[in-house]
Amino acid sequence: MAELLSKPAFREALEDAIKGREAKNASFSQAWANGELSREHFARWAENHYHYVGPFADYLGYIYSNTPDTATDAKDFLLQNMYEEELSDVRHTDLLIRFAEACGTTRERVMDVDNATAVTRGLQGWCYAISMREHFAVATAALVVGLESQVPSIYRRQYPVLIEKYGFTEEEAEFFDLHITSDEIHGERGYQIVLEHATTPELQARCLQLVRHGAEARFSYTKALYDTYVSPEPAVANPAPALA
């Protein structure tokens, strides 16, 4: 039978579950950081990213509904995170749409899920399923540790490129600057909640599994953007006939 990990050992294991799967190393992220993309590519990114992060407050709401009243630290964090997504100053999705419009697309295109890839829609569905069905500590591990905690390392490389190479204004790119700070805080608080409330070997193992799955999902989502919009494979002119 597996033994309960100490908090330091569990923290290290959570971090290791992300290593080698970081979305910052996916092809689309690398091309962005290297200044190899166009505003049209950023528009396609925004049209997809909306359908991943747009419902983030919904995901958190489902986790909140599964969190017992005794876990006040977790409930406070989830409420604060939802507030920042939806009510604080300006909604985060509105900042994303502002950036999208500066890239040349429209609010209508961004909000139309038919403009998202199948991989993006799959990531959204995974987030909904995990937030609805899993223990609150496990869902927090998956969505906050596995996904949200990666954001600062991604945007720290991408935000300066937007300003310095592509000429976006700070207002147009505010979405990225905001999340460098806010998601660093959210990620750390997510770690602390998972360390505090994953109190059995089984919960710890499930947390580690879903952090890994979350990191893999975000990497695949990011890579799919490159494969779809930057370097799509040529169509097969003469596909092989179906097997009888």
C-alpha atoms as a PDB file:
ATOM      1  CA  MET A   1       0.000   0.000   0.000  1.00  0.00           C
ATOM      2  CA  ALA A   2       1.291   3.448  -0.912  1.00  0.00           C
ATOM      3  CA  GLU A   3       2.368   5.704   1.921  1.00  0.00           C
ATOM      4  CA  LEU A   4       1.290   9.290   2.473  1.00  0.00           C
ATOM      5  CA  LEU A   5       3.956  11.661   1.182  1.00  0.00           C
ATOM      6  CA  SER A   6       5.212  14.460   3.392  1.00  0.00           C
ATOM      7  CA  LYS A   7       4.203  17.925   2.208  1.00  0.00           C
ATOM      8  CA  PRO A   8       7.712  18.758   0.901  1.00  0.00           C
ATOM      9  CA  ALA A   9       7.901  15.445  -0.979  1.00  0.00           C
ATOM     10  CA  PHE A  10       4.375  15.879  -2.345  1.00  0.00           C
ATOM     11  CA  ARG A  11       5.168  19.429  -3.496  1.00  0.00           C
ATOM     12  CA  GLU A  12       8.232  18.156  -5.335  1.00  0.00           C
ATOM     13  CA  ALA A  13       6.208  15.374  -6.934  1.00  0.00           C
ATOM     14  CA  LEU A  14       3.550  17.866  -8.119  1.00  0.00           C
ATOM     15  CA  GLU A  15       6.228  20.023  -9.713  1.00  0.00           C
ATOM     16  CA  ASP A  16       7.815  16.972 -11.330  1.00  0.00           C
ATOM     17  CA  ALA A  17       4.434  16.006 -12.803  1.00  0.00           C
ATOM     18  CA  ILE A  18       4.581  19.174 -14.937  1.00  0.00           C
ATOM     19  CA  LYS A  19       8.245  18.953 -15.931  1.00  0.00           C
ATOM     20  CA  GLY A  20       8.817  17.898 -19.510  1.00  0.00           C
ATOM     21  CA  ARG A  21       5.212  18.783 -20.351  1.00  0.00           C
ATOM     22  CA  GLU A  22       5.319  22.582 -20.034  1.00  0.00           C
ATOM     23  CA  ALA A  23       3.212  24.463 -22.582  1.00  0.00           C
ATOM     24  CA  LYS A  24       5.942  27.111 -22.822  1.00  0.00           C
ATOM     25  CA  ASN A  25       7.977  24.525 -24.738  1.00  0.00           C
ATOM     26  CA  ALA A  26       5.254  23.663 -27.259  1.00  0.00           C
ATOM     27  CA  SER A  27       5.890  24.707 -30.863  1.00  0.00           C
ATOM     28  CA  PHE A  28       3.363  27.577 -30.908  1.00  0.00           C
ATOM     29  CA  SER A  29       4.781  29.050 -27.677  1.00  0.00           C
ATOM     30  CA  GLN A  30       8.335  28.781 -28.981  1.00  0.00           C
ATOM     31  CA  ALA A  31       7.456  30.444 -32.280  1.00  0.00           C
ATOM     32  CA  TRP A  32       5.678  33.237 -30.384  1.00  0.00           C
ATOM     33  CA  ALA A  33       8.612  33.858 -28.048  1.00  0.00           C
ATOM     34  CA  ASN A  34      11.004  33.872 -31.017  1.00  0.00           C
ATOM     35  CA  GLY A  35       8.949  36.476 -32.885  1.00  0.00           C
ATOM     36  CA  GLU A  36       8.081  34.083 -35.722  1.00  0.00           C
ATOM     37  CA  LEU A  37       4.294  34.535 -35.736  1.00  0.00           C
ATOM     38  CA  SER A  38       1.993  37.119 -37.291  1.00  0.00           C
ATOM     39  CA  ARG A  39      -0.974  39.058 -35.951  1.00  0.00           C
ATOM     40  CA  GLU A  40      -3.188  36.645 -37.855  1.00  0.00           C
ATOM     41  CA  HIS A  41      -1.711  33.778 -35.835  1.00  0.00           C
ATOM     42  CA  PHE A  42      -2.380  35.682 -32.614  1.00  0.00           C
ATOM     43  CA  ALA A  43      -5.990  36.182 -33.737  1.00  0.00           C
ATOM     44  CA  ARG A  44      -6.400  32.435 -34.183  1.00  0.00           C
ATOM     45  CA  TRP A  45      -4.808  31.896 -30.759  1.00  0.00           C
ATOM     46  CA  ALA A  46      -7.308  34.289 -29.160  1.00  0.00           C
ATOM     47  CA  GLU A  47     -10.250  32.608 -30.884  1.00  0.00           C
ATOM     48  CA  ASN A  48      -9.144  29.324 -29.334  1.00  0.00           C
ATOM     49  CA  HIS A  49      -7.956  30.603 -25.973  1.00  0.00           C
ATOM     50  CA  TYR A  50     -11.341  32.152 -25.257  1.00  0.00           C
ATOM     51  CA  HIS A  51     -12.950  28.720 -25.251  1.00  0.00           C
ATOM     52  CA  TYR A  52     -10.362  27.356 -22.832  1.00  0.00           C
ATOM     53  CA  VAL A  53     -10.176  30.220 -20.317  1.00  0.00           C
ATOM     54  CA  GLY A  54     -13.555  31.865 -20.940  1.00  0.00           C
ATOM     55  CA  PRO A  55     -15.391  29.343 -18.738  1.00  0.00           C
ATOM     56  CA  PHE A  56     -12.664  29.317 -16.056  1.00  0.00           C
ATOM     57  CA  ALA A  57     -14.957  30.892 -13.474  1.00  0.00           C
ATOM     58  CA  ASP A  58     -17.490  28.171 -14.286  1.00  0.00           C
ATOM     59  CA  TYR A  59     -14.888  25.481 -13.635  1.00  0.00           C
ATOM     60  CA  LEU A  60     -14.035  27.126 -10.317  1.00  0.00           C
ATOM     61  CA  GLY A  61     -17.719  27.363  -9.436  1.00  0.00           C
ATOM     62  CA  TYR A  62     -18.155  23.618  -9.820  1.00  0.00           C
ATOM     63  CA  ILE A  63     -15.102  23.004  -7.637  1.00  0.00           C
ATOM     64  CA  TYR A  64     -16.528  25.422  -5.067  1.00  0.00           C
ATOM     65  CA  SER A  65     -19.810  23.512  -4.986  1.00  0.00           C
ATOM     66  CA  ASN A  66     -17.880  20.326  -4.152  1.00  0.00           C
ATOM     67  CA  THR A  67     -15.797  21.959  -1.410  1.00  0.00           C
ATOM     68  CA  PRO A  68     -16.940  21.395   2.198  1.00  0.00           C
ATOM     69  CA  ASP A  69     -17.597  24.379   4.433  1.00  0.00           C
ATOM     70  CA  THR A  70     -14.765  23.247   6.686  1.00  0.00           C
ATOM     71  CA  ALA A  71     -12.224  23.981   3.922  1.00  0.00           C
ATOM     72  CA  THR A  72     -12.560  27.736   4.290  1.00  0.00           C
ATOM     73  CA  ASP A  73      -9.133  28.428   2.794  1.00  0.00           C
ATOM     74  CA  ALA A  74     -10.102  26.636  -0.409  1.00  0.00           C
ATOM     75  CA  LYS A  75     -13.545  28.252  -0.603  1.00  0.00           C
ATOM     76  CA  ASP A  76     -12.078  31.730  -0.062  1.00  0.00           C
ATOM     77  CA  PHE A  77      -9.494  31.150  -2.784  1.00  0.00           C
ATOM     78  CA  LEU A  78     -12.041  29.866  -5.278  1.00  0.00           C
ATOM     79  CA  LEU A  79     -14.372  32.809  -4.648  1.00  0.00           C
ATOM     80  CA  GLN A  80     -11.544  35.320  -4.992  1.00  0.00           C
ATOM     81  CA  ASN A  81     -10.369  33.680  -8.193  1.00  0.00           C
ATOM     82  CA  MET A  82     -13.896  33.751  -9.634  1.00  0.00           C
ATOM     83  CA  TYR A  83     -14.258  37.402  -8.616  1.00  0.00           C
ATOM     84  CA  GLU A  84     -11.056  38.340 -10.390  1.00  0.00           C
ATOM     85  CA  GLU A  85     -12.141  36.496 -13.525  1.00  0.00           C
ATOM     86  CA  GLU A  86     -15.614  38.016 -13.730  1.00  0.00           C
ATOM     87  CA  LEU A  87     -16.026  41.184 -11.656  1.00  0.00           C
ATOM     88  CA  SER A  88     -12.778  42.869 -10.659  1.00  0.00           C
ATOM     89  CA  ASP A  89     -12.315  46.098 -12.672  1.00  0.00           C
ATOM     90  CA  VAL A  90     -12.731  44.425 -16.080  1.00  0.00           C
ATOM     91  CA  ARG A  91     -13.573  40.824 -16.947  1.00  0.00           C
ATOM     92  CA  HIS A  92     -10.530  38.861 -18.048  1.00  0.00           C
ATOM     93  CA  THR A  93     -12.353  37.623 -21.124  1.00  0.00           C
ATOM     94  CA  ASP A  94     -13.006  41.223 -22.166  1.00  0.00           C
ATOM     95  CA  LEU A  95      -9.260  41.866 -22.010  1.00  0.00           C
ATOM     96  CA  LEU A  96      -8.723  38.805 -24.188  1.00  0.00           C
ATOM     97  CA  ILE A  97     -11.277  40.052 -26.717  1.00  0.00           C
ATOM     98  CA  ARG A  98      -9.612  43.478 -26.703  1.00  0.00           C
ATOM     99  CA  PHE A  99      -6.355  41.801 -27.690  1.00  0.00           C
ATOM    100  CA  ALA A 100      -8.143  39.690 -30.304  1.00  0.00           C
ATOM    101  CA  GLU A 101      -9.675  42.770 -31.909  1.00  0.00           C
ATOM    102  CA  ALA A 102      -6.251  44.424 -32.017  1.00  0.00           C
ATOM    103  CA  CYS A 103      -5.094  41.345 -33.960  1.00  0.00           C
ATOM    104  CA  GLY A 104      -7.792  41.880 -36.576  1.00  0.00           C
ATOM    105  CA  THR A 105     -10.505  39.447 -35.557  1.00  0.00           C
ATOM    106  CA  THR A 106     -13.913  40.218 -34.041  1.00  0.00           C
ATOM    107  CA  ARG A 107     -15.781  39.544 -30.813  1.00  0.00           C
ATOM    108  CA  GLU A 108     -18.248  37.437 -32.801  1.00  0.00           C
ATOM    109  CA  ARG A 109     -15.516  35.213 -34.237  1.00  0.00           C
ATOM    110  CA  VAL A 110     -13.863  34.822 -30.838  1.00  0.00           C
ATOM    111  CA  MET A 111     -17.114  33.724 -29.204  1.00  0.00           C
ATOM    112  CA  ASP A 112     -18.014  31.258 -31.976  1.00  0.00           C
ATOM    113  CA  VAL A 113     -16.844  27.826 -30.829  1.00  0.00           C
ATOM    114  CA  ASP A 114     -16.720  26.630 -34.437  1.00  0.00           C
ATOM    115  CA  ASN A 115     -13.531  28.709 -34.770  1.00  0.00           C
ATOM    116  CA  ALA A 116     -11.776  26.600 -32.133  1.00  0.00           C
ATOM    117  CA  THR A 117      -9.875  23.417 -32.902  1.00  0.00           C
ATOM    118  CA  ALA A 118     -11.113  20.032 -31.779  1.00  0.00           C
ATOM    119  CA  VAL A 119      -8.188  19.892 -29.337  1.00  0.00           C
ATOM    120  CA  THR A 120      -9.297  23.189 -27.771  1.00  0.00           C
ATOM    121  CA  ARG A 121     -12.835  21.914 -27.384  1.00  0.00           C
ATOM    122  CA  GLY A 122     -11.450  18.741 -25.842  1.00  0.00           C
ATOM    123  CA  LEU A 123      -9.456  20.726 -23.281  1.00  0.00           C
ATOM    124  CA  GLN A 124     -12.556  22.705 -22.351  1.00  0.00           C
ATOM    125  CA  GLY A 125     -14.553  19.510 -21.913  1.00  0.00           C
ATOM    126  CA  TRP A 126     -11.801  17.986 -19.769  1.00  0.00           C
ATOM    127  CA  CYS A 127     -11.819  21.047 -17.505  1.00  0.00           C
ATOM    128  CA  TYR A 128     -15.591  20.826 -17.070  1.00  0.00           C
ATOM    129  CA  ALA A 129     -15.474  17.091 -16.345  1.00  0.00           C
ATOM    130  CA  ILE A 130     -12.693  17.365 -13.764  1.00  0.00           C
ATOM    131  CA  SER A 131     -14.231  20.345 -11.976  1.00  0.00           C
ATOM    132  CA  MET A 132     -17.640  18.648 -11.740  1.00  0.00           C
ATOM    133  CA  ARG A 133     -16.614  15.126 -10.796  1.00  0.00           C
ATOM    134  CA  GLU A 134     -13.405  15.137  -8.793  1.00  0.00           C
ATOM    135  CA  HIS A 135     -12.628  15.772  -5.121  1.00  0.00           C
ATOM    136  CA  PHE A 136     -12.041  19.499  -4.674  1.00  0.00           C
ATOM    137  CA  ALA A 137      -8.342  19.052  -3.879  1.00  0.00           C
ATOM    138  CA  VAL A 138      -7.862  16.890  -6.961  1.00  0.00           C
ATOM    139  CA  ALA A 139      -9.718  19.341  -9.200  1.00  0.00           C
ATOM    140  CA  THR A 140      -7.663  22.205  -7.769  1.00  0.00           C
ATOM    141  CA  ALA A 141      -4.505  20.252  -8.512  1.00  0.00           C
ATOM    142  CA  ALA A 142      -5.597  19.604 -12.089  1.00  0.00           C
ATOM    143  CA  LEU A 143      -6.829  23.068 -13.030  1.00  0.00           C
ATOM    144  CA  VAL A 144      -4.820  25.418 -10.826  1.00  0.00           C
ATOM    145  CA  VAL A 145      -1.536  23.546 -10.442  1.00  0.00           C
ATOM    146  CA  GLY A 146      -1.496  21.631 -13.713  1.00  0.00           C
ATOM    147  CA  LEU A 147      -2.840  24.441 -15.909  1.00  0.00           C
ATOM    148  CA  GLU A 148      -3.020  27.880 -14.288  1.00  0.00           C
ATOM    149  CA  SER A 149       0.337  27.790 -12.510  1.00  0.00           C
ATOM    150  CA  GLN A 150       2.095  27.530 -15.878  1.00  0.00           C
ATOM    151  CA  VAL A 151       0.824  30.891 -17.128  1.00  0.00           C
ATOM    152  CA  PRO A 152       3.516  33.225 -15.712  1.00  0.00           C
ATOM    153  CA  SER A 153       6.345  31.210 -17.286  1.00  0.00           C
ATOM    154  CA  ILE A 154       4.548  31.330 -20.650  1.00  0.00           C
ATOM    155  CA  TYR A 155       3.564  34.994 -20.671  1.00  0.00           C
ATOM    156  CA  ARG A 156       6.870  36.309 -19.322  1.00  0.00           C
ATOM    157  CA  ARG A 157       8.390  35.207 -22.630  1.00  0.00           C
ATOM    158  CA  GLN A 158       5.484  36.271 -24.829  1.00  0.00           C
ATOM    159  CA  TYR A 159       4.422  39.652 -23.443  1.00  0.00           C
ATOM    160  CA  PRO A 160       7.673  41.558 -24.208  1.00  0.00           C
ATOM    161  CA  VAL A 161       7.596  40.254 -27.794  1.00  0.00           C
ATOM    162  CA  LEU A 162       4.103  41.637 -28.291  1.00  0.00           C
ATOM    163  CA  ILE A 163       5.201  45.112 -27.204  1.00  0.00           C
ATOM    164  CA  GLU A 164       8.713  45.273 -28.644  1.00  0.00           C
ATOM    165  CA  LYS A 165       8.400  43.376 -31.929  1.00  0.00           C
ATOM    166  CA  TYR A 166       4.747  43.515 -32.918  1.00  0.00           C
ATOM    167  CA  GLY A 167       3.933  47.002 -31.657  1.00  0.00           C
ATOM    168  CA  PHE A 168       0.926  46.224 -29.497  1.00  0.00           C
ATOM    169  CA  THR A 169       0.170  48.837 -26.877  1.00  0.00           C
ATOM    170  CA  GLU A 170       0.234  47.983 -23.188  1.00  0.00           C
ATOM    171  CA  GLU A 171      -3.537  48.439 -23.137  1.00  0.00           C
ATOM    172  CA  GLU A 172      -4.038  46.012 -26.025  1.00  0.00           C
ATOM    173  CA  ALA A 173      -1.784  43.429 -24.347  1.00  0.00           C
ATOM    174  CA  GLU A 174      -3.045  43.978 -20.788  1.00  0.00           C
ATOM    175  CA  PHE A 175      -4.461  40.438 -20.668  1.00  0.00           C
ATOM    176  CA  PHE A 176      -0.922  39.017 -20.585  1.00  0.00           C
ATOM    177  CA  ASP A 177       0.605  41.477 -18.129  1.00  0.00           C
ATOM    178  CA  LEU A 178      -2.264  40.956 -15.687  1.00  0.00           C
ATOM    179  CA  HIS A 179      -1.959  37.191 -15.695  1.00  0.00           C
ATOM    180  CA  ILE A 180       1.789  37.148 -15.094  1.00  0.00           C
ATOM    181  CA  THR A 181       1.123  38.482 -11.599  1.00  0.00           C
ATOM    182  CA  SER A 182      -2.317  37.101 -10.799  1.00  0.00           C
ATOM    183  CA  ASP A 183      -1.648  33.535 -11.890  1.00  0.00           C
ATOM    184  CA  GLU A 184       1.629  33.406 -10.000  1.00  0.00           C
ATOM    185  CA  ILE A 185      -0.392  34.120  -6.857  1.00  0.00           C
ATOM    186  CA  HIS A 186      -3.175  31.732  -7.874  1.00  0.00           C
ATOM    187  CA  GLY A 187      -0.731  28.956  -8.670  1.00  0.00           C
ATOM    188  CA  GLU A 188       0.985  29.171  -5.295  1.00  0.00           C
ATOM    189  CA  ARG A 189      -2.305  29.253  -3.420  1.00  0.00           C
ATOM    190  CA  GLY A 190      -3.440  26.263  -5.437  1.00  0.00           C
ATOM    191  CA  TYR A 191      -0.343  24.346  -4.373  1.00  0.00           C
ATOM    192  CA  GLN A 192      -1.008  25.163  -0.725  1.00  0.00           C
ATOM    193  CA  ILE A 193      -4.626  23.996  -0.920  1.00  0.00           C
ATOM    194  CA  VAL A 194      -3.617  20.713  -2.537  1.00  0.00           C
ATOM    195  CA  LEU A 195      -0.857  20.139   0.022  1.00  0.00           C
ATOM    196  CA  GLU A 196      -3.292  20.810   2.869  1.00  0.00           C
ATOM    197  CA  HIS A 197      -6.323  18.838   1.683  1.00  0.00           C
ATOM    198  CA  ALA A 198      -4.986  15.855  -0.267  1.00  0.00           C
ATOM    199  CA  THR A 199      -4.677  13.902   2.975  1.00  0.00           C
ATOM    200  CA  THR A 200      -4.620  10.280   1.823  1.00  0.00           C
ATOM    201  CA  PRO A 201      -2.246   8.345  -0.444  1.00  0.00           C
ATOM    202  CA  GLU A 202      -5.125   7.827  -2.862  1.00  0.00           C
ATOM    203  CA  LEU A 203      -5.899  11.537  -3.108  1.00  0.00           C
ATOM    204  CA  GLN A 204      -2.233  12.374  -3.544  1.00  0.00           C
ATOM    205  CA  ALA A 205      -1.887   9.804  -6.321  1.00  0.00           C
ATOM    206  CA  ARG A 206      -4.973  11.138  -8.108  1.00  0.00           C
ATOM    207  CA  CYS A 207      -3.672  14.703  -7.795  1.00  0.00           C
ATOM    208  CA  LEU A 208      -0.367  13.711  -9.360  1.00  0.00           C
ATOM    209  CA  GLN A 209      -2.097  11.838 -12.156  1.00  0.00           C
ATOM    210  CA  LEU A 210      -4.365  14.754 -13.075  1.00  0.00           C
ATOM    211  CA  VAL A 211      -1.624  17.373 -12.807  1.00  0.00           C
ATOM    212  CA  ARG A 212       0.251  15.288 -15.353  1.00  0.00           C
ATOM    213  CA  HIS A 213      -2.847  14.931 -17.517  1.00  0.00           C
ATOM    214  CA  GLY A 214      -3.517  18.670 -17.288  1.00  0.00           C
ATOM    215  CA  ALA A 215       0.009  19.581 -18.298  1.00  0.00           C
ATOM    216  CA  GLU A 216      -0.163  17.143 -21.202  1.00  0.00           C
ATOM    217  CA  ALA A 217      -3.507  18.591 -22.269  1.00  0.00           C
ATOM    218  CA  ARG A 218      -2.242  22.173 -22.250  1.00  0.00           C
ATOM    219  CA  PHE A 219       0.874  21.168 -24.173  1.00  0.00           C
ATOM    220  CA  SER A 220      -1.242  19.350 -26.771  1.00  0.00           C
ATOM    221  CA  TYR A 221      -3.659  22.285 -27.046  1.00  0.00           C
ATOM    222  CA  THR A 222      -0.760  24.682 -27.651  1.00  0.00           C
ATOM    223  CA  LYS A 223       0.971  22.397 -30.138  1.00  0.00           C
ATOM    224  CA  ALA A 224      -2.283  21.934 -32.047  1.00  0.00           C
ATOM    225  CA  LEU A 225      -2.411  25.693 -32.672  1.00  0.00           C
ATOM    226  CA  TYR A 226       0.938  25.485 -34.463  1.00  0.00           C
ATOM    227  CA  ASP A 227      -0.031  22.379 -36.369  1.00  0.00           C
ATOM    228  CA  THR A 228      -3.350  23.900 -37.449  1.00  0.00           C
ATOM    229  CA  TYR A 229      -2.508  27.520 -38.218  1.00  0.00           C
ATOM    230  CA  VAL A 230       1.262  27.851 -38.646  1.00  0.00           C
ATOM    231  CA  SER A 231       2.464  24.655 -40.265  1.00  0.00           C
ATOM    232  CA  PRO A 232      -0.525  22.566 -41.327  1.00  0.00           C
ATOM    233  CA  GLU A 233       0.154  19.238 -42.939  1.00  0.00           C
ATOM    234  CA  PRO A 234      -0.635  19.140 -46.680  1.00  0.00           C
ATOM    235  CA  ALA A 235      -3.855  17.443 -47.649  1.00  0.00           C
ATOM    236  CA  VAL A 236      -3.507  13.847 -48.792  1.00  0.00           C
ATOM    237  CA  ALA A 237      -4.359  13.785 -52.492  1.00  0.00           C
ATOM    238  CA  ASN A 238      -4.959  10.055 -52.810  1.00  0.00           C
ATOM    239  CA  PRO A 239      -5.794   8.534 -49.451  1.00  0.00           C
ATOM    240  CA  ALA A 240      -5.488   4.800 -49.166  1.00  0.00           C
ATOM    241  CA  PRO A 241      -8.747   2.916 -49.691  1.00  0.00           C
ATOM    242  CA  ALA A 242     -10.570   1.716 -46.616  1.00  0.00           C
ATOM    243  CA  LEU A 243      -9.963  -1.857 -45.592  1.00  0.00           C
ATOM    244  CA  ALA A 244     -12.740  -4.242 -46.472  1.00  0.00           C
END
